[in-house]
Amino acid sequence: MRVSVDGREVTEPWAADPALLWGGWVYETLRTYGGVPFRLEAHLLRLAASAAWCGFPFDRDRLEAELGTAPGPGEWKLNLLVSATGHRVVRWEPLDAARVGAEVRVATRPARLDPRLPPRVKHTNRLAWTLAVQSAGVDEVLWEVEGAWTEATRSNVFVVREGVLRTPPDDGRILGGVTRDALLEVAAASGLEVRVEPVPAGPCDELWLSSTLKELAPVVELDGAPGPGGGPVGARLLAAFRATAPSSARRG
């Protein structure tokens, strides 16, 4: 087989991987705090679960040996990918600090769940989601199932109603986020009232999206109108999370 990328012939095994033709990869995205990947163990467990569901070979020991350390000072974004044929890709790039906690614009759309690829599998077949975001002209699409918000295209969702923090359950209709789990732990430790339950779509006092790269970000536009944005409950949670994240990275 002969493969060229941007006109340059390459011989790396991944370049000839047939999984490139049909999106046969599972992946994880991490970030560092103090140069240490945040909750690496949780991410590796989720990657292993995604690979197992798809029937992909996953050599965790080799992947961990190939991780290495951050390429330099500062904070980093780390992608881990495993293909249907067992190839592994580790990619480091500087963290885009402007995305962390930045305001987001969101449009809601009805979700079309695919039973062949359940939300708990983090795979690279994201074209439908990317096109949904592009057609809506926003930063992310917030999916709605049976009148309830479930998750966004790259994030989990948190709302505040009547002073109570709420987030949808990991009931098979969402990808349970590592940062979401960390935020729930921090909320409990900080004495914030939090409920993990279906979140009906509709007005709320605060609306936030959480993910590895954004931590907790306020929704300032919702379906073309001003969104509720942030507020004191989410701000308290974010401050508590940031106070514990570096030590949590080392424990993970």
Protein backbone atom coordinates (compact mmCIF):
# COMPACT_ATOMS: atom_id res chain seq x y z
CA MET A 1 0.00 0.00 0.00
CA ARG A 2 1.18 3.51 -0.81
CA VAL A 3 -0.09 6.48 1.23
CA SER A 4 0.68 10.16 0.89
CA VAL A 5 -0.48 12.98 3.17
CA ASP A 6 -0.43 16.51 1.73
CA GLY A 7 1.77 15.21 -1.07
CA ARG A 8 4.30 13.55 1.24
CA GLU A 9 4.59 9.79 1.18
CA VAL A 10 4.30 8.37 4.69
CA THR A 11 4.95 4.95 6.10
CA GLU A 12 3.51 5.31 9.62
CA PRO A 13 1.15 2.39 10.35
CA TRP A 14 -1.82 4.61 11.18
CA ALA A 15 -1.71 6.18 7.70
CA ALA A 16 -2.57 2.82 6.12
CA ASP A 17 -5.16 1.90 8.75
CA PRO A 18 -8.47 1.13 6.98
CA ALA A 19 -10.26 2.61 9.99
CA LEU A 20 -9.37 6.04 8.57
CA LEU A 21 -11.86 5.43 5.76
CA TRP A 22 -14.86 4.78 8.00
CA GLY A 23 -14.10 6.64 11.23
CA GLY A 24 -13.19 3.51 13.15
CA TRP A 25 -11.55 5.23 16.11
CA VAL A 26 -12.41 5.83 19.75
CA TYR A 27 -10.74 8.61 21.65
CA GLU A 28 -10.35 10.69 24.79
CA THR A 29 -9.47 14.35 25.27
CA LEU A 30 -7.64 15.42 28.41
CA ARG A 31 -6.01 18.57 29.71
CA THR A 32 -3.23 19.11 32.19
CA TYR A 33 -3.10 21.03 35.45
CA GLY A 34 0.42 21.80 36.53
CA GLY A 35 1.59 19.68 33.61
CA VAL A 36 -0.24 16.60 34.93
CA PRO A 37 -3.12 15.05 32.91
CA PHE A 38 -6.38 15.54 34.80
CA ARG A 39 -7.91 12.28 36.04
CA LEU A 40 -5.96 10.14 33.62
CA GLU A 41 -7.24 6.91 35.17
CA ALA A 42 -10.88 7.88 34.58
CA HIS A 43 -10.14 8.80 30.98
CA LEU A 44 -8.29 5.54 30.33
CA LEU A 45 -11.16 3.54 31.82
CA ARG A 46 -13.64 5.32 29.57
CA LEU A 47 -11.41 4.78 26.56
CA ALA A 48 -11.16 1.08 27.39
CA ALA A 49 -14.96 0.88 27.72
CA SER A 50 -15.47 2.57 24.33
CA ALA A 51 -12.96 0.22 22.69
CA ALA A 52 -14.54 -2.82 24.32
CA TRP A 53 -18.04 -1.89 23.15
CA CYS A 54 -16.78 -1.53 19.57
CA GLY A 55 -14.71 -4.71 19.78
CA PHE A 56 -11.45 -2.80 19.18
CA PRO A 57 -8.19 -4.21 20.58
CA PHE A 58 -6.87 -1.98 23.36
CA ASP A 59 -3.38 -2.36 24.80
CA ARG A 60 -3.51 -0.07 27.80
CA ASP A 61 0.02 -0.84 28.97
CA ARG A 62 1.52 0.14 25.63
CA LEU A 63 -0.59 3.28 25.41
CA GLU A 64 0.45 4.39 28.89
CA ALA A 65 4.09 3.74 28.02
CA GLU A 66 3.70 5.91 24.92
CA LEU A 67 2.09 8.85 26.73
CA GLY A 68 5.33 10.35 27.95
CA THR A 69 5.14 13.72 29.67
CA ALA A 70 4.02 17.16 28.57
CA PRO A 71 6.33 18.43 25.82
CA GLY A 72 7.12 21.66 27.63
CA PRO A 73 6.04 24.19 30.27
CA GLY A 74 2.51 25.51 30.49
CA GLU A 75 -0.75 23.61 30.18
CA TRP A 76 -1.53 21.11 27.45
CA LYS A 77 -4.36 19.38 25.62
CA LEU A 78 -3.88 15.65 25.13
CA ASN A 79 -5.74 13.40 22.66
CA LEU A 80 -5.61 9.61 22.89
CA LEU A 81 -6.98 7.61 19.95
CA VAL A 82 -7.31 3.87 19.38
CA SER A 83 -8.32 2.44 16.01
CA ALA A 84 -10.37 -0.59 15.07
CA THR A 85 -7.15 -2.40 14.24
CA GLY A 86 -5.40 -1.41 17.46
CA HIS A 87 -3.24 1.49 16.30
CA ARG A 88 -2.64 4.15 18.91
CA VAL A 89 -2.21 7.91 18.46
CA VAL A 90 -1.06 10.27 21.22
CA ARG A 91 -1.25 13.97 20.39
CA TRP A 92 -0.14 16.86 22.59
CA GLU A 93 -0.86 20.51 21.80
CA PRO A 94 -0.82 23.70 23.89
CA LEU A 95 -4.06 24.32 25.75
CA ASP A 96 -6.18 27.13 24.33
CA ALA A 97 -6.73 29.07 27.55
CA ALA A 98 -9.27 31.32 25.84
CA ARG A 99 -11.74 28.41 25.70
CA VAL A 100 -11.63 27.71 29.43
CA GLY A 101 -14.82 29.05 31.01
CA ALA A 102 -15.61 31.13 27.92
CA GLU A 103 -19.19 32.15 27.17
CA VAL A 104 -21.00 29.84 24.76
CA ARG A 105 -23.84 30.27 22.27
CA VAL A 106 -26.22 27.34 22.03
CA ALA A 107 -29.15 26.16 19.93
CA THR A 108 -31.46 23.34 20.98
CA ARG A 109 -32.31 20.52 18.63
CA PRO A 110 -34.20 17.20 18.98
CA ALA A 111 -31.73 14.36 19.46
CA ARG A 112 -31.78 11.36 17.17
CA LEU A 113 -30.23 8.59 19.19
CA ASP A 114 -28.47 5.93 17.15
CA PRO A 115 -28.80 2.49 18.80
CA ARG A 116 -25.79 1.31 16.81
CA LEU A 117 -23.53 3.87 18.49
CA PRO A 118 -24.77 4.64 21.99
CA PRO A 119 -23.80 7.97 23.59
CA ARG A 120 -21.53 6.23 26.11
CA VAL A 121 -19.13 5.30 23.28
CA LYS A 122 -16.77 8.21 22.60
CA HIS A 123 -16.00 7.74 18.92
CA THR A 124 -14.73 9.91 16.08
CA ASN A 125 -17.93 9.64 13.99
CA ARG A 126 -18.94 13.19 14.90
CA LEU A 127 -19.72 14.62 11.47
CA ALA A 128 -23.49 14.79 12.09
CA TRP A 129 -22.89 16.76 15.28
CA THR A 130 -20.39 19.07 13.59
CA LEU A 131 -22.82 19.79 10.76
CA ALA A 132 -25.63 20.45 13.26
CA VAL A 133 -23.50 23.08 14.97
CA GLN A 134 -22.47 24.65 11.67
CA SER A 135 -26.03 24.83 10.35
CA ALA A 136 -27.23 26.42 13.60
CA GLY A 137 -24.42 28.97 13.55
CA VAL A 138 -23.60 28.51 17.23
CA ASP A 139 -20.83 27.09 19.40
CA GLU A 140 -22.73 23.96 20.41
CA VAL A 141 -26.06 22.24 19.97
CA LEU A 142 -27.97 21.23 23.10
CA TRP A 143 -29.86 18.00 22.48
CA GLU A 144 -33.43 17.52 23.67
CA VAL A 145 -35.06 14.12 24.20
CA GLU A 146 -38.73 13.82 25.18
CA GLY A 147 -38.84 17.40 26.43
CA ALA A 148 -35.66 17.16 28.48
CA TRP A 149 -32.14 18.46 27.87
CA THR A 150 -29.63 15.64 27.83
CA GLU A 151 -26.21 16.87 26.68
CA ALA A 152 -24.55 19.16 24.18
CA THR A 153 -22.40 18.26 21.22
CA ARG A 154 -19.16 18.47 23.20
CA SER A 155 -20.36 19.01 26.74
CA ASN A 156 -22.52 17.99 29.66
CA VAL A 157 -25.21 20.36 30.88
CA PHE A 158 -25.89 21.87 34.30
CA VAL A 159 -28.85 24.11 35.14
CA VAL A 160 -29.82 26.01 38.26
CA ARG A 161 -33.47 26.31 39.18
CA GLU A 162 -34.66 27.68 42.53
CA GLY A 163 -31.10 27.67 43.79
CA VAL A 164 -30.59 23.95 43.11
CA LEU A 165 -27.94 22.64 40.73
CA ARG A 166 -29.30 19.97 38.40
CA THR A 167 -27.76 17.76 35.75
CA PRO A 168 -29.17 14.88 33.66
CA PRO A 169 -28.42 11.33 34.84
CA ASP A 170 -25.99 9.02 33.09
CA ASP A 171 -28.86 6.78 31.97
CA GLY A 172 -27.47 5.69 28.62
CA ARG A 173 -28.57 8.82 26.79
CA ILE A 174 -25.43 10.86 27.51
CA LEU A 175 -21.68 10.49 27.55
CA GLY A 176 -20.89 10.77 31.24
CA GLY A 177 -18.13 13.36 31.46
CA VAL A 178 -15.01 13.04 33.59
CA THR A 179 -15.20 16.75 34.39
CA ARG A 180 -18.93 16.40 35.07
CA ASP A 181 -18.16 13.72 37.65
CA ALA A 182 -15.48 15.91 39.21
CA LEU A 183 -17.89 18.85 39.41
CA LEU A 184 -20.51 16.67 41.12
CA GLU A 185 -17.93 15.57 43.69
CA VAL A 186 -16.88 19.17 44.30
CA ALA A 187 -20.51 20.29 44.61
CA ALA A 188 -21.20 17.67 47.26
CA ALA A 189 -18.03 18.54 49.17
CA SER A 190 -18.88 22.26 49.01
CA GLY A 191 -22.36 21.80 50.41
CA LEU A 192 -24.14 22.76 47.20
CA GLU A 193 -27.52 21.15 46.73
CA VAL A 194 -27.31 19.09 43.56
CA ARG A 195 -29.81 16.76 41.94
CA VAL A 196 -28.97 14.23 39.25
CA GLU A 197 -32.29 13.88 37.48
CA PRO A 198 -33.92 14.57 34.10
CA VAL A 199 -33.76 18.27 33.31
CA PRO A 200 -36.90 19.54 31.56
CA ALA A 201 -36.17 22.02 28.78
CA GLY A 202 -37.27 25.52 29.64
CA PRO A 203 -36.50 28.65 31.60
CA CYS A 204 -33.82 28.44 34.28
CA ASP A 205 -31.82 30.79 36.46
CA GLU A 206 -28.40 29.61 35.28
CA LEU A 207 -27.32 27.43 32.36
CA TRP A 208 -23.82 25.98 32.08
CA LEU A 209 -21.93 23.52 29.90
CA SER A 210 -19.07 21.46 31.27
CA SER A 211 -16.23 19.65 29.55
CA THR A 212 -12.54 18.94 29.82
CA LEU A 213 -11.50 21.99 27.83
CA LYS A 214 -14.09 24.49 29.05
CA GLU A 215 -14.42 23.39 32.74
CA LEU A 216 -17.76 25.16 33.37
CA ALA A 217 -18.94 27.74 30.84
CA PRO A 218 -22.05 29.96 30.93
CA VAL A 219 -24.61 29.82 28.12
CA VAL A 220 -25.20 33.43 27.10
CA GLU A 221 -27.29 32.76 23.99
CA LEU A 222 -30.04 30.15 23.65
CA ASP A 223 -31.89 29.67 20.36
CA GLY A 224 -31.04 33.17 19.19
CA ALA A 225 -32.18 34.90 22.37
CA PRO A 226 -30.13 35.92 25.41
CA GLY A 227 -29.40 32.88 27.55
CA PRO A 228 -29.51 32.83 31.33
CA GLY A 229 -25.72 32.70 31.46
CA GLY A 230 -23.89 32.23 34.72
CA GLY A 231 -24.78 33.08 38.27
CA PRO A 232 -23.75 32.61 41.88
CA VAL A 233 -24.34 28.85 42.16
CA GLY A 234 -22.26 27.91 39.12
CA ALA A 235 -19.62 30.52 39.95
CA ARG A 236 -19.20 29.00 43.41
CA LEU A 237 -18.92 25.54 41.92
CA LEU A 238 -16.35 26.64 39.35
CA ALA A 239 -14.22 28.36 41.96
CA ALA A 240 -14.28 25.24 44.14
CA PHE A 241 -13.39 23.05 41.16
CA ARG A 242 -10.43 25.22 40.20
CA ALA A 243 -9.19 25.13 43.78
CA THR A 244 -9.08 21.33 43.75
CA ALA A 245 -8.27 20.48 40.12
CA PRO A 246 -4.45 20.52 40.35
CA SER A 247 -4.37 18.10 43.28
CA SER A 248 -7.09 16.00 41.66
CA ALA A 249 -4.95 15.71 38.53
CA ARG A 250 -2.15 14.21 40.55
CA ARG A 251 -4.46 11.79 42.36
CA GLY A 252 -6.05 10.67 39.09
